[in-house]
PDB file of N, CA and C in Angstrom:
ATOM      1  N   UNK A   1      47.222 -31.243  47.152  1.00  0.00           N
ATOM      2  CA  UNK A   1      46.179 -31.710  46.286  1.00  0.00           C
ATOM      3  C   UNK A   1      45.460 -30.560  45.600  1.00  0.00           C
ATOM      4  N   UNK A   2      45.236 -29.498  46.355  1.00  0.00           N
ATOM      5  CA  UNK A   2      44.548 -28.353  45.783  1.00  0.00           C
ATOM      6  C   UNK A   2      45.389 -27.704  44.695  1.00  0.00           C
ATOM      7  N   UNK A   3      46.723 -27.719  44.862  1.00  0.00           N
ATOM      8  CA  UNK A   3      47.599 -27.145  43.838  1.00  0.00           C
ATOM      9  C   UNK A   3      47.552 -27.959  42.548  1.00  0.00           C
ATOM     10  N   UNK A   4      47.496 -29.302  42.694  1.00  0.00           N
ATOM     11  CA  UNK A   4      47.390 -30.157  41.509  1.00  0.00           C
ATOM     12  C   UNK A   4      46.066 -29.917  40.807  1.00  0.00           C
ATOM     13  N   UNK A   5      45.005 -29.792  41.578  1.00  0.00           N
ATOM     14  CA  UNK A   5      43.685 -29.521  41.024  1.00  0.00           C
ATOM     15  C   UNK A   5      43.675 -28.170  40.327  1.00  0.00           C
ATOM     16  N   UNK A   6      44.302 -27.207  40.956  1.00  0.00           N
ATOM     17  CA  UNK A   6      44.389 -25.864  40.370  1.00  0.00           C
ATOM     18  C   UNK A   6      45.194 -25.896  39.077  1.00  0.00           C
ATOM     19  N   UNK A   7      46.286 -26.630  39.064  1.00  0.00           N
ATOM     20  CA  UNK A   7      47.116 -26.723  37.859  1.00  0.00           C
ATOM     21  C   UNK A   7      46.337 -27.372  36.718  1.00  0.00           C
ATOM     22  N   UNK A   8      45.558 -28.407  37.033  1.00  0.00           N
ATOM     23  CA  UNK A   8      44.732 -29.064  36.008  1.00  0.00           C
ATOM     24  C   UNK A   8      43.669 -28.128  35.464  1.00  0.00           C
ATOM     25  N   UNK A   9      43.044 -27.401  36.379  1.00  0.00           N
ATOM     26  CA  UNK A   9      42.008 -26.444  35.953  1.00  0.00           C
ATOM     27  C   UNK A   9      42.611 -25.348  35.081  1.00  0.00           C
ATOM     28  N   UNK A  10      43.765 -24.858  35.473  1.00  0.00           N
ATOM     29  CA  UNK A  10      44.439 -23.812  34.684  1.00  0.00           C
ATOM     30  C   UNK A  10      44.800 -24.356  33.306  1.00  0.00           C
ATOM     31  N   UNK A  11      45.284 -25.592  33.252  1.00  0.00           N
ATOM     32  CA  UNK A  11      45.650 -26.199  31.964  1.00  0.00           C
ATOM     33  C   UNK A  11      44.424 -26.328  31.064  1.00  0.00           C
ATOM     34  N   UNK A  12      43.304 -26.777  31.652  1.00  0.00           N
ATOM     35  CA  UNK A  12      42.060 -26.890  30.869  1.00  0.00           C
ATOM     36  C   UNK A  12      41.606 -25.521  30.373  1.00  0.00           C
ATOM     37  N   UNK A  13      41.661 -24.533  31.249  1.00  0.00           N
ATOM     38  CA  UNK A  13      41.270 -23.176  30.856  1.00  0.00           C
ATOM     39  C   UNK A  13      42.168 -22.640  29.741  1.00  0.00           C
ATOM     40  N   UNK A  14      43.456 -22.916  29.837  1.00  0.00           N
ATOM     41  CA  UNK A  14      44.376 -22.457  28.788  1.00  0.00           C
ATOM     42  C   UNK A  14      44.054 -23.125  27.452  1.00  0.00           C
ATOM     43  N   UNK A  15      43.708 -24.420  27.483  1.00  0.00           N
ATOM     44  CA  UNK A  15      43.314 -25.113  26.248  1.00  0.00           C
ATOM     45  C   UNK A  15      42.034 -24.501  25.679  1.00  0.00           C
ATOM     46  N   UNK A  16      41.080 -24.227  26.570  1.00  0.00           N
ATOM     47  CA  UNK A  16      39.820 -23.629  26.123  1.00  0.00           C
ATOM     48  C   UNK A  16      40.053 -22.245  25.520  1.00  0.00           C
ATOM     49  N   UNK A  17      40.903 -21.461  26.155  1.00  0.00           N
ATOM     50  CA  UNK A  17      41.220 -20.125  25.629  1.00  0.00           C
ATOM     51  C   UNK A  17      41.872 -20.250  24.257  1.00  0.00           C
ATOM     52  N   UNK A  18      42.786 -21.209  24.105  1.00  0.00           N
ATOM     53  CA  UNK A  18      43.447 -21.409  22.813  1.00  0.00           C
ATOM     54  C   UNK A  18      42.433 -21.819  21.747  1.00  0.00           C
ATOM     55  N   UNK A  19      41.502 -22.722  22.118  1.00  0.00           N
ATOM     56  CA  UNK A  19      40.456 -23.142  21.174  1.00  0.00           C
ATOM     57  C   UNK A  19      39.566 -21.966  20.791  1.00  0.00           C
ATOM     58  N   UNK A  20      39.201 -21.158  21.777  1.00  0.00           N
ATOM     59  CA  UNK A  20      38.360 -19.990  21.494  1.00  0.00           C
ATOM     60  C   UNK A  20      39.087 -18.989  20.606  1.00  0.00           C
ATOM     61  N   UNK A  21      40.377 -18.807  20.838  1.00  0.00           N
ATOM     62  CA  UNK A  21      41.154 -17.894  19.992  1.00  0.00           C
ATOM     63  C   UNK A  21      41.192 -18.415  18.559  1.00  0.00           C
ATOM     64  N   UNK A  22      41.333 -19.739  18.410  1.00  0.00           N
ATOM     65  CA  UNK A  22      41.342 -20.329  17.068  1.00  0.00           C
ATOM     66  C   UNK A  22      39.987 -20.155  16.390  1.00  0.00           C
ATOM     67  N   UNK A  23      38.922 -20.371  17.155  1.00  0.00           N
ATOM     68  CA  UNK A  23      37.573 -20.167  16.602  1.00  0.00           C
ATOM     69  C   UNK A  23      37.357 -18.709  16.201  1.00  0.00           C
ATOM     70  N   UNK A  24      37.841 -17.797  17.030  1.00  0.00           N
ATOM     71  CA  UNK A  24      37.699 -16.368  16.716  1.00  0.00           C
ATOM     72  C   UNK A  24      38.441 -16.034  15.428  1.00  0.00           C
ATOM     73  N   UNK A  25      39.630 -16.606  15.258  1.00  0.00           N
ATOM     74  CA  UNK A  25      40.394 -16.366  14.028  1.00  0.00           C
ATOM     75  C   UNK A  25      39.662 -16.952  12.829  1.00  0.00           C
ATOM     76  N   UNK A  26      39.099 -18.160  12.997  1.00  0.00           N
ATOM     77  CA  UNK A  26      38.329 -18.776  11.911  1.00  0.00           C
ATOM     78  C   UNK A  26      37.107 -17.932  11.564  1.00  0.00           C
ATOM     79  N   UNK A  27      36.442 -17.412  12.583  1.00  0.00           N
ATOM     80  CA  UNK A  27      35.265 -16.564  12.356  1.00  0.00           C
ATOM     81  C   UNK A  27      35.643 -15.294  11.608  1.00  0.00           C
ATOM     82  N   UNK A  28      36.756 -14.704  11.988  1.00  0.00           N
ATOM     83  CA  UNK A  28      37.209 -13.483  11.306  1.00  0.00           C
ATOM     84  C   UNK A  28      37.531 -13.784   9.850  1.00  0.00           C
ATOM     85  N   UNK A  29      38.186 -14.908   9.599  1.00  0.00           N
ATOM     86  CA  UNK A  29      38.507 -15.284   8.220  1.00  0.00           C
ATOM     87  C   UNK A  29      37.230 -15.540   7.429  1.00  0.00           C
ATOM     88  N   UNK A  30      36.257 -16.176   8.054  1.00  0.00           N
ATOM     89  CA  UNK A  30      34.983 -16.436   7.381  1.00  0.00           C
ATOM     90  C   UNK A  30      34.276 -15.131   7.037  1.00  0.00           C
ATOM     91  N   UNK A  31      34.341 -14.152   7.940  1.00  0.00           N
ATOM     92  CA  UNK A  31      33.717 -12.851   7.655  1.00  0.00           C
ATOM     93  C   UNK A  31      34.397 -12.164   6.478  1.00  0.00           C
ATOM     94  N   UNK A  32      35.719 -12.258   6.415  1.00  0.00           N
ATOM     95  CA  UNK A  32      36.457 -11.657   5.293  1.00  0.00           C
ATOM     96  C   UNK A  32      36.055 -12.330   3.987  1.00  0.00           C
ATOM     97  N   UNK A  33      35.982 -13.664   3.998  1.00  0.00           N
ATOM     98  CA  UNK A  33      35.580 -14.392   2.794  1.00  0.00           C
ATOM     99  C   UNK A  33      34.148 -14.051   2.389  1.00  0.00           C
ATOM    100  N   UNK A  34      33.256 -13.944   3.370  1.00  0.00           N
ATOM    101  CA  UNK A  34      31.864 -13.605   3.078  1.00  0.00           C
ATOM    102  C   UNK A  34      31.762 -12.207   2.478  1.00  0.00           C
ATOM    103  N   UNK A  35      32.533 -11.279   2.996  1.00  0.00           N
ATOM    104  CA  UNK A  35      32.518  -9.916   2.448  1.00  0.00           C
ATOM    105  C   UNK A  35      33.031  -9.917   1.014  1.00  0.00           C
ATOM    106  N   UNK A  36      34.069 -10.695   0.751  1.00  0.00           N
ATOM    107  CA  UNK A  36      34.591 -10.795  -0.614  1.00  0.00           C
ATOM    108  C   UNK A  36      33.577 -11.417  -1.550  1.00  0.00           C
ATOM    109  N   UNK A  37      32.892 -12.455  -1.085  1.00  0.00           N
ATOM    110  CA  UNK A  37      31.862 -13.094  -1.904  1.00  0.00           C
ATOM    111  C   UNK A  37      30.723 -12.122  -2.180  1.00  0.00           C
ATOM    112  N   UNK A  38      30.366 -11.322  -1.189  1.00  0.00           N
ATOM    113  CA  UNK A  38      29.307 -10.335  -1.365  1.00  0.00           C
ATOM    114  C   UNK A  38      29.694  -9.317  -2.434  1.00  0.00           C
ATOM    115  N   UNK A  39      30.945  -8.869  -2.410  1.00  0.00           N
ATOM    116  CA  UNK A  39      31.413  -7.929  -3.437  1.00  0.00           C
ATOM    117  C   UNK A  39      31.396  -8.589  -4.815  1.00  0.00           C
ATOM    118  N   UNK A  40      31.821  -9.849  -4.879  1.00  0.00           N
ATOM    119  CA  UNK A  40      31.818 -10.559  -6.158  1.00  0.00           C
ATOM    120  C   UNK A  40      30.405 -10.680  -6.714  1.00  0.00           C
ATOM    121  N   UNK A  41      29.467 -11.013  -5.856  1.00  0.00           N
ATOM    122  CA  UNK A  41      28.073 -11.140  -6.287  1.00  0.00           C
ATOM    123  C   UNK A  41      27.555  -9.790  -6.776  1.00  0.00           C
ATOM    124  N   UNK A  42      27.894  -8.722  -6.083  1.00  0.00           N
ATOM    125  CA  UNK A  42      27.457  -7.386  -6.499  1.00  0.00           C
ATOM    126  C   UNK A  42      28.031  -7.034  -7.868  1.00  0.00           C
ATOM    127  N   UNK A  43      29.290  -7.396  -8.107  1.00  0.00           N
ATOM    128  CA  UNK A  43      29.905  -7.127  -9.410  1.00  0.00           C
ATOM    129  C   UNK A  43      29.225  -7.931 -10.507  1.00  0.00           C
ATOM    130  N   UNK A  44      28.922  -9.187 -10.239  1.00  0.00           N
ATOM    131  CA  UNK A  44      28.251 -10.031 -11.238  1.00  0.00           C
ATOM    132  C   UNK A  44      26.863  -9.479 -11.533  1.00  0.00           C
ATOM    133  N   UNK A  45      26.168  -9.045 -10.497  1.00  0.00           N
ATOM    134  CA  UNK A  45      24.839  -8.467 -10.713  1.00  0.00           C
ATOM    135  C   UNK A  45      24.927  -7.202 -11.559  1.00  0.00           C
ATOM    136  N   UNK A  46      25.915  -6.375 -11.316  1.00  0.00           N
ATOM    137  CA  UNK A  46      26.083  -5.149 -12.107  1.00  0.00           C
ATOM    138  C   UNK A  46      26.367  -5.500 -13.563  1.00  0.00           C
ATOM    139  N   UNK A  47      27.223  -6.490 -13.783  1.00  0.00           N
ATOM    140  CA  UNK A  47      27.518  -6.909 -15.157  1.00  0.00           C
ATOM    141  C   UNK A  47      26.276  -7.487 -15.817  1.00  0.00           C
ATOM    142  N   UNK A  48      25.503  -8.261 -15.081  1.00  0.00           N
ATOM    143  CA  UNK A  48      24.276  -8.835 -15.628  1.00  0.00           C
ATOM    144  C   UNK A  48      23.290  -7.736 -16.007  1.00  0.00           C
ATOM    145  N   UNK A  49      23.167  -6.716 -15.153  1.00  0.00           N
ATOM    146  CA  UNK A  49      22.281  -5.590 -15.487  1.00  0.00           C
ATOM    147  C   UNK A  49      22.763  -4.886 -16.750  1.00  0.00           C
ATOM    148  N   UNK A  50      24.071  -4.718 -16.888  1.00  0.00           N
ATOM    149  CA  UNK A  50      24.619  -4.066 -18.082  1.00  0.00           C
ATOM    150  C   UNK A  50      24.342  -4.905 -19.323  1.00  0.00           C
ATOM    151  N   UNK A  51      24.533  -6.213 -19.225  1.00  0.00           N
ATOM    152  CA  UNK A  51      24.264  -7.085 -20.372  1.00  0.00           C
ATOM    153  C   UNK A  51      22.784  -7.082 -20.731  1.00  0.00           C
ATOM    154  N   UNK A  52      21.940  -7.101 -19.712  1.00  0.00           N
ATOM    155  CA  UNK A  52      20.500  -7.063 -19.961  1.00  0.00           C
ATOM    156  C   UNK A  52      20.125  -5.759 -20.655  1.00  0.00           C
ATOM    157  N   UNK A  53      20.699  -4.661 -20.217  1.00  0.00           N
ATOM    158  CA  UNK A  53      20.436  -3.374 -20.867  1.00  0.00           C
ATOM    159  C   UNK A  53      20.892  -3.370 -22.315  1.00  0.00           C
ATOM    160  N   UNK A  54      22.061  -3.954 -22.572  1.00  0.00           N
ATOM    161  CA  UNK A  54      22.566  -4.018 -23.948  1.00  0.00           C
ATOM    162  C   UNK A  54      21.656  -4.881 -24.813  1.00  0.00           C
ATOM    163  N   UNK A  55      21.204  -6.006 -24.282  1.00  0.00           N
ATOM    164  CA  UNK A  55      20.307  -6.877 -25.046  1.00  0.00           C
ATOM    165  C   UNK A  55      18.970  -6.191 -25.318  1.00  0.00           C
ATOM    166  N   UNK A  56      18.452  -5.464 -24.341  1.00  0.00           N
ATOM    167  CA  UNK A  56      17.196  -4.742 -24.558  1.00  0.00           C
ATOM    168  C   UNK A  56      17.363  -3.659 -25.617  1.00  0.00           C
ATOM    169  N   UNK A  57      18.488  -2.957 -25.598  1.00  0.00           N
ATOM    170  CA  UNK A  57      18.745  -1.936 -26.619  1.00  0.00           C
ATOM    171  C   UNK A  57      18.872  -2.582 -27.991  1.00  0.00           C
ATOM    172  N   UNK A  58      19.551  -3.715 -28.060  1.00  0.00           N
ATOM    173  CA  UNK A  58      19.687  -4.434 -29.326  1.00  0.00           C
ATOM    174  C   UNK A  58      18.327  -4.891 -29.835  1.00  0.00           C
ATOM    175  N   UNK A  59      17.483  -5.347 -28.934  1.00  0.00           N
ATOM    176  CA  UNK A  59      16.131  -5.775 -29.319  1.00  0.00           C
ATOM    177  C   UNK A  59      15.348  -4.608 -29.916  1.00  0.00           C
ATOM    178  N   UNK A  60      15.394  -3.462 -29.248  1.00  0.00           N
ATOM    179  CA  UNK A  60      14.685  -2.286 -29.766  1.00  0.00           C
ATOM    180  C   UNK A  60      15.217  -1.893 -31.142  1.00  0.00           C
ATOM    181  N   UNK A  61      16.531  -1.928 -31.288  1.00  0.00           N
ATOM    182  CA  UNK A  61      17.141  -1.594 -32.565  1.00  0.00           C
ATOM    183  C   UNK A  61      16.685  -2.573 -33.646  1.00  0.00           C
ATOM    184  N   UNK A  62      16.631  -3.845 -33.307  1.00  0.00           N
ATOM    185  CA  UNK A  62      16.214  -4.873 -34.260  1.00  0.00           C
ATOM    186  C   UNK A  62      14.759  -4.663 -34.675  1.00  0.00           C
ATOM    187  N   UNK A  63      13.910  -4.310 -33.727  1.00  0.00           N
ATOM    188  CA  UNK A  63      12.501  -4.039 -34.035  1.00  0.00           C
ATOM    189  C   UNK A  63      12.400  -2.859 -34.994  1.00  0.00           C
ATOM    190  N   UNK A  64      13.149  -1.788 -34.725  1.00  0.00           N
ATOM    191  CA  UNK A  64      13.128  -0.612 -35.600  1.00  0.00           C
ATOM    192  C   UNK A  64      13.614  -0.957 -37.002  1.00  0.00           C
ATOM    193  N   UNK A  65      14.697  -1.721 -37.080  1.00  0.00           N
ATOM    194  CA  UNK A  65      15.232  -2.089 -38.395  1.00  0.00           C
ATOM    195  C   UNK A  65      14.263  -2.977 -39.162  1.00  0.00           C
ATOM    196  N   UNK A  66      13.604  -3.887 -38.480  1.00  0.00           N
ATOM    197  CA  UNK A  66      12.628  -4.763 -39.139  1.00  0.00           C
ATOM    198  C   UNK A  66      11.476  -3.937 -39.709  1.00  0.00           C
ATOM    199  N   UNK A  67      10.993  -2.980 -38.939  1.00  0.00           N
ATOM    200  CA  UNK A  67       9.895  -2.131 -39.411  1.00  0.00           C
ATOM    201  C   UNK A  67      10.343  -1.291 -40.606  1.00  0.00           C
ATOM    202  N   UNK A  68      11.555  -0.762 -40.539  1.00  0.00           N
ATOM    203  CA  UNK A  68      12.089   0.021 -41.656  1.00  0.00           C
ATOM    204  C   UNK A  68      12.201  -0.846 -42.911  1.00  0.00           C
ATOM    205  N   UNK A  69      12.643  -2.081 -42.762  1.00  0.00           N
ATOM    206  CA  UNK A  69      12.763  -2.992 -43.894  1.00  0.00           C
ATOM    207  C   UNK A  69      11.388  -3.293 -44.491  1.00  0.00           C
ATOM    208  N   UNK A  70      10.400  -3.515 -43.656  1.00  0.00           N
ATOM    209  CA  UNK A  70       9.046  -3.796 -44.148  1.00  0.00           C
ATOM    210  C   UNK A  70       8.495  -2.599 -44.926  1.00  0.00           C
ATOM    211  N   UNK A  71       8.730  -1.392 -44.402  1.00  0.00           N
ATOM    212  CA  UNK A  71       8.272  -0.196 -45.129  1.00  0.00           C
ATOM    213  C   UNK A  71       8.991  -0.085 -46.471  1.00  0.00           C
ATOM    214  N   UNK A  72      10.283  -0.392 -46.474  1.00  0.00           N
ATOM    215  CA  UNK A  72      11.045  -0.332 -47.726  1.00  0.00           C
ATOM    216  C   UNK A  72      10.528  -1.329 -48.746  1.00  0.00           C
ATOM    217  N   UNK A  73      10.261  -2.553 -48.320  1.00  0.00           N
ATOM    218  CA  UNK A  73       9.718  -3.551 -49.247  1.00  0.00           C
ATOM    219  C   UNK A  73       8.332  -3.148 -49.735  1.00  0.00           C
ATOM    220  N   UNK A  74       7.532  -2.559 -48.866  1.00  0.00           N
ATOM    221  CA  UNK A  74       6.202  -2.107 -49.287  1.00  0.00           C
ATOM    222  C   UNK A  74       6.335  -1.030 -50.353  1.00  0.00           C
ATOM    223  N   UNK A  75       7.286  -0.118 -50.186  1.00  0.00           N
ATOM    224  CA  UNK A  75       7.522   0.928 -51.187  1.00  0.00           C
ATOM    225  C   UNK A  75       7.980   0.317 -52.505  1.00  0.00           C
ATOM    226  N   UNK A  76       8.883  -0.646 -52.429  1.00  0.00           N
ATOM    227  CA  UNK A  76       9.371  -1.311 -53.646  1.00  0.00           C
ATOM    228  C   UNK A  76       8.227  -2.042 -54.331  1.00  0.00           C
ATOM    229  N   UNK A  77       7.404  -2.742 -53.576  1.00  0.00           N
ATOM    230  CA  UNK A  77       6.271  -3.463 -54.167  1.00  0.00           C
ATOM    231  C   UNK A  77       5.298  -2.502 -54.845  1.00  0.00           C
ATOM    232  N   UNK A  78       5.038  -1.371 -54.201  1.00  0.00           N
ATOM    233  CA  UNK A  78       4.152  -0.368 -54.801  1.00  0.00           C
ATOM    234  C   UNK A  78       4.759   0.165 -56.094  1.00  0.00           C
ATOM    235  N   UNK A  79       6.043   0.469 -56.059  1.00  0.00           N
ATOM    236  CA  UNK A  79       6.718   0.987 -57.258  1.00  0.00           C
ATOM    237  C   UNK A  79       6.722  -0.047 -58.370  1.00  0.00           C
ATOM    238  N   UNK A  80       6.975  -1.289 -58.047  1.00  0.00           N
ATOM    239  CA  UNK A  80       6.962  -2.344 -59.063  1.00  0.00           C
ATOM    240  C   UNK A  80       5.569  -2.515 -59.654  1.00  0.00           C
ATOM    241  N   UNK A  81       4.553  -2.417 -58.818  1.00  0.00           N
ATOM    242  CA  UNK A  81       3.180  -2.518 -59.322  1.00  0.00           C
ATOM    243  C   UNK A  81       2.892  -1.388 -60.301  1.00  0.00           C
ATOM    244  N   UNK A  82       3.344  -0.181 -59.994  1.00  0.00           N
ATOM    245  CA  UNK A  82       3.136   0.957 -60.889  1.00  0.00           C
ATOM    246  C   UNK A  82       3.881   0.753 -62.207  1.00  0.00           C
ATOM    247  N   UNK A  83       5.080   0.239 -62.149  1.00  0.00           N
ATOM    248  CA  UNK A  83       5.859  -0.012 -63.371  1.00  0.00           C
ATOM    249  C   UNK A  83       5.155  -1.046 -64.229  1.00  0.00           C
ATOM    250  N   UNK A  84       4.661  -2.095 -63.588  1.00  0.00           N
ATOM    251  CA  UNK A  84       3.962  -3.147 -64.339  1.00  0.00           C
ATOM    252  C   UNK A  84       2.719  -2.575 -65.001  1.00  0.00           C
ATOM    253  N   UNK A  85       1.983  -1.716 -64.296  1.00  0.00           N
ATOM    254  CA  UNK A  85       0.791  -1.093 -64.876  1.00  0.00           C
ATOM    255  C   UNK A  85       1.169  -0.207 -66.055  1.00  0.00           C
ATOM    256  N   UNK A  86       2.261   0.544 -65.933  1.00  0.00           N
ATOM    257  CA  UNK A  86       2.688   1.430 -67.018  1.00  0.00           C
ATOM    258  C   UNK A  86       3.132   0.641 -68.246  1.00  0.00           C
ATOM    259  N   UNK A  87       3.717  -0.497 -68.022  1.00  0.00           N
ATOM    260  CA  UNK A  87       4.149  -1.322 -69.151  1.00  0.00           C
ATOM    261  C   UNK A  87       2.958  -1.896 -69.900  1.00  0.00           C
ATOM    262  N   UNK A  88       1.876  -2.049 -69.216  1.00  0.00           N
ATOM    263  CA  UNK A  88       0.669  -2.549 -69.849  1.00  0.00           C
ATOM    264  C   UNK A  88       0.736  -4.049 -70.081  1.00  0.00           C
ATOM    265  N   UNK A  89      -0.310  -4.571 -70.739  1.00  0.00           N
ATOM    266  CA  UNK A  89      -0.393  -6.013 -70.939  1.00  0.00           C
ATOM    267  C   UNK A  89       0.733  -6.555 -71.832  1.00  0.00           C
ATOM    268  N   UNK A  90       1.209  -5.800 -72.758  1.00  0.00           N
ATOM    269  CA  UNK A  90       2.249  -6.286 -73.657  1.00  0.00           C
ATOM    270  C   UNK A  90       3.615  -6.314 -73.009  1.00  0.00           C
ATOM    271  N   UNK A  91       3.789  -5.624 -71.893  1.00  0.00           N
ATOM    272  CA  UNK A  91       5.093  -5.536 -71.261  1.00  0.00           C
ATOM    273  C   UNK A  91       5.410  -6.711 -70.358  1.00  0.00           C
ATOM    274  N   UNK A  92       4.441  -7.510 -70.149  1.00  0.00           N
ATOM    275  CA  UNK A  92       4.672  -8.637 -69.235  1.00  0.00           C
ATOM    276  C   UNK A  92       5.332  -9.770 -69.898  1.00  0.00           C
TER     277      UNK A  92
END
């Protein structure tokens, strides 16, 4: 009877060991996937930072160009006003 009991206990222990080995393998696979996801997230964040930097540079460039255009139009308006004054009342 004790041998049968021992055989049953050994069989249960072997099943438990097999289940634990399977869980350990699943855990290892999950860690590998998590590490890969972490790398992917880091890459996306780096790309996002690069895009944000490019957009900020474009914004600064756009602000500079807008100011340059306004100064140019102001110069043209001043020059046109001077031409109109030189032409006098009959030139209009």
